[in-house]
Amino acid sequence: MVKIKRAFLRSFGISLTAAICIIIGIGGVSTAYDVIEMMLAGATAVGVGSANLTDPFISKKIIEDLPFVMEKLGIDDLEKIIGKA
């Protein structure tokens, strides 16, 4: 499933990075890693949906985890990774 998701996100991001548009990444977002993955695919914003049903505080957790994940992956600015998959 992860390989399929990554392949789809990569191809989707490549096809839209040439156009100037706002892309909101949604679907399957439940961790800070998912946020990074969506942004690498070209998302300029990321939405958390059904994960809120299992954990109403998931968005807060993702926001709190994001700086640590960014540091671990060597990312200093989220804007610089948009569409770089």
C-alpha atoms as a PDB file:
ATOM      1  CA  MET A   1       0.000   0.000   0.000  1.00  0.00           C
ATOM      2  CA  VAL A   2       2.781   2.445   0.881  1.00  0.00           C
ATOM      3  CA  LYS A   3       4.565   1.859  -2.443  1.00  0.00           C
ATOM      4  CA  ILE A   4       1.339   2.465  -4.359  1.00  0.00           C
ATOM      5  CA  LYS A   5       0.646   5.641  -2.382  1.00  0.00           C
ATOM      6  CA  ARG A   6       4.170   6.959  -2.952  1.00  0.00           C
ATOM      7  CA  ALA A   7       4.069   6.167  -6.659  1.00  0.00           C
ATOM      8  CA  PHE A   8       0.717   7.908  -7.049  1.00  0.00           C
ATOM      9  CA  LEU A   9       1.805  10.940  -5.046  1.00  0.00           C
ATOM     10  CA  ARG A  10       5.040  11.200  -7.010  1.00  0.00           C
ATOM     11  CA  SER A  11       3.324  11.057 -10.402  1.00  0.00           C
ATOM     12  CA  PHE A  12       0.554  13.386  -9.251  1.00  0.00           C
ATOM     13  CA  GLY A  13       3.085  15.901  -7.950  1.00  0.00           C
ATOM     14  CA  ILE A  14       5.169  15.818 -11.125  1.00  0.00           C
ATOM     15  CA  SER A  15       2.147  16.444 -13.335  1.00  0.00           C
ATOM     16  CA  LEU A  16       1.029  19.473 -11.332  1.00  0.00           C
ATOM     17  CA  THR A  17       4.289  21.166 -10.399  1.00  0.00           C
ATOM     18  CA  ALA A  18       4.515  22.837 -13.799  1.00  0.00           C
ATOM     19  CA  ALA A  19       1.237  24.667 -13.186  1.00  0.00           C
ATOM     20  CA  ILE A  20       0.816  27.429 -10.664  1.00  0.00           C
ATOM     21  CA  CYS A  21      -1.947  26.280  -8.347  1.00  0.00           C
ATOM     22  CA  ILE A  22      -2.715  25.532  -4.737  1.00  0.00           C
ATOM     23  CA  ILE A  23      -2.766  21.819  -3.998  1.00  0.00           C
ATOM     24  CA  ILE A  24      -4.262  20.534  -0.766  1.00  0.00           C
ATOM     25  CA  GLY A  25      -3.032  17.060   0.107  1.00  0.00           C
ATOM     26  CA  ILE A  26      -5.701  14.936   1.784  1.00  0.00           C
ATOM     27  CA  GLY A  27      -6.245  11.244   2.337  1.00  0.00           C
ATOM     28  CA  GLY A  28      -4.366   9.006   4.712  1.00  0.00           C
ATOM     29  CA  VAL A  29      -2.699  11.792   6.688  1.00  0.00           C
ATOM     30  CA  SER A  30      -2.112  10.722  10.284  1.00  0.00           C
ATOM     31  CA  THR A  31       1.565  11.497  10.961  1.00  0.00           C
ATOM     32  CA  ALA A  32       4.101  14.242  10.374  1.00  0.00           C
ATOM     33  CA  TYR A  33       5.759  11.899   7.852  1.00  0.00           C
ATOM     34  CA  ASP A  34       2.510  11.870   5.859  1.00  0.00           C
ATOM     35  CA  VAL A  35       2.558  15.679   5.807  1.00  0.00           C
ATOM     36  CA  ILE A  36       6.122  15.665   4.456  1.00  0.00           C
ATOM     37  CA  GLU A  37       5.152  13.060   1.846  1.00  0.00           C
ATOM     38  CA  MET A  38       2.207  15.141   0.646  1.00  0.00           C
ATOM     39  CA  MET A  39       4.339  18.276   0.424  1.00  0.00           C
ATOM     40  CA  LEU A  40       7.059  16.443  -1.485  1.00  0.00           C
ATOM     41  CA  ALA A  41       4.350  15.428  -3.933  1.00  0.00           C
ATOM     42  CA  GLY A  42       3.411  19.074  -4.450  1.00  0.00           C
ATOM     43  CA  ALA A  43       0.871  19.925  -1.752  1.00  0.00           C
ATOM     44  CA  THR A  44       1.040  23.486  -0.466  1.00  0.00           C
ATOM     45  CA  ALA A  45      -1.383  22.610   2.344  1.00  0.00           C
ATOM     46  CA  VAL A  46      -2.300  19.322   4.004  1.00  0.00           C
ATOM     47  CA  GLY A  47      -5.647  18.321   5.510  1.00  0.00           C
ATOM     48  CA  VAL A  48      -6.260  15.762   8.211  1.00  0.00           C
ATOM     49  CA  GLY A  49      -9.620  14.027   7.901  1.00  0.00           C
ATOM     50  CA  SER A  50     -10.709  10.644   9.192  1.00  0.00           C
ATOM     51  CA  ALA A  51      -7.729  10.328  11.543  1.00  0.00           C
ATOM     52  CA  ASN A  52      -9.608  12.837  13.702  1.00  0.00           C
ATOM     53  CA  LEU A  53     -12.255  10.181  14.318  1.00  0.00           C
ATOM     54  CA  THR A  54      -9.802   7.849  16.013  1.00  0.00           C
ATOM     55  CA  ASP A  55      -7.833  10.613  17.745  1.00  0.00           C
ATOM     56  CA  PRO A  56      -9.428  14.045  18.115  1.00  0.00           C
ATOM     57  CA  PHE A  57      -6.017  15.518  18.992  1.00  0.00           C
ATOM     58  CA  ILE A  58      -4.161  14.099  15.964  1.00  0.00           C
ATOM     59  CA  SER A  59      -3.738  17.477  14.268  1.00  0.00           C
ATOM     60  CA  LYS A  60      -2.110  18.917  17.388  1.00  0.00           C
ATOM     61  CA  LYS A  61       0.185  15.878  17.615  1.00  0.00           C
ATOM     62  CA  ILE A  62       1.182  16.200  13.964  1.00  0.00           C
ATOM     63  CA  ILE A  63       1.977  19.897  14.390  1.00  0.00           C
ATOM     64  CA  GLU A  64       4.059  19.149  17.491  1.00  0.00           C
ATOM     65  CA  ASP A  65       5.907  16.264  15.775  1.00  0.00           C
ATOM     66  CA  LEU A  66       6.619  18.138  12.547  1.00  0.00           C
ATOM     67  CA  PRO A  67       9.734  20.046  13.728  1.00  0.00           C
ATOM     68  CA  PHE A  68      11.315  16.803  15.015  1.00  0.00           C
ATOM     69  CA  VAL A  69      10.583  14.938  11.784  1.00  0.00           C
ATOM     70  CA  MET A  70      11.909  17.855   9.744  1.00  0.00           C
ATOM     71  CA  GLU A  71      15.137  17.827  11.753  1.00  0.00           C
ATOM     72  CA  LYS A  72      15.468  14.048  11.408  1.00  0.00           C
ATOM     73  CA  LEU A  73      15.040  14.313   7.623  1.00  0.00           C
ATOM     74  CA  GLY A  74      17.297  17.358   7.294  1.00  0.00           C
ATOM     75  CA  ILE A  75      14.513  19.716   6.237  1.00  0.00           C
ATOM     76  CA  ASP A  76      14.917  23.308   7.368  1.00  0.00           C
ATOM     77  CA  ASP A  77      12.054  24.920   5.424  1.00  0.00           C
ATOM     78  CA  LEU A  78       8.835  23.200   4.346  1.00  0.00           C
ATOM     79  CA  GLU A  79       8.361  25.555   1.406  1.00  0.00           C
ATOM     80  CA  LYS A  80      11.606  24.273  -0.113  1.00  0.00           C
ATOM     81  CA  ILE A  81      10.360  20.669  -0.342  1.00  0.00           C
ATOM     82  CA  ILE A  82       7.065  21.334  -2.153  1.00  0.00           C
ATOM     83  CA  GLY A  83       7.014  19.246  -5.313  1.00  0.00           C
ATOM     84  CA  LYS A  84      10.512  17.800  -4.853  1.00  0.00           C
ATOM     85  CA  ALA A  85       9.500  14.097  -4.899  1.00  0.00           C
END
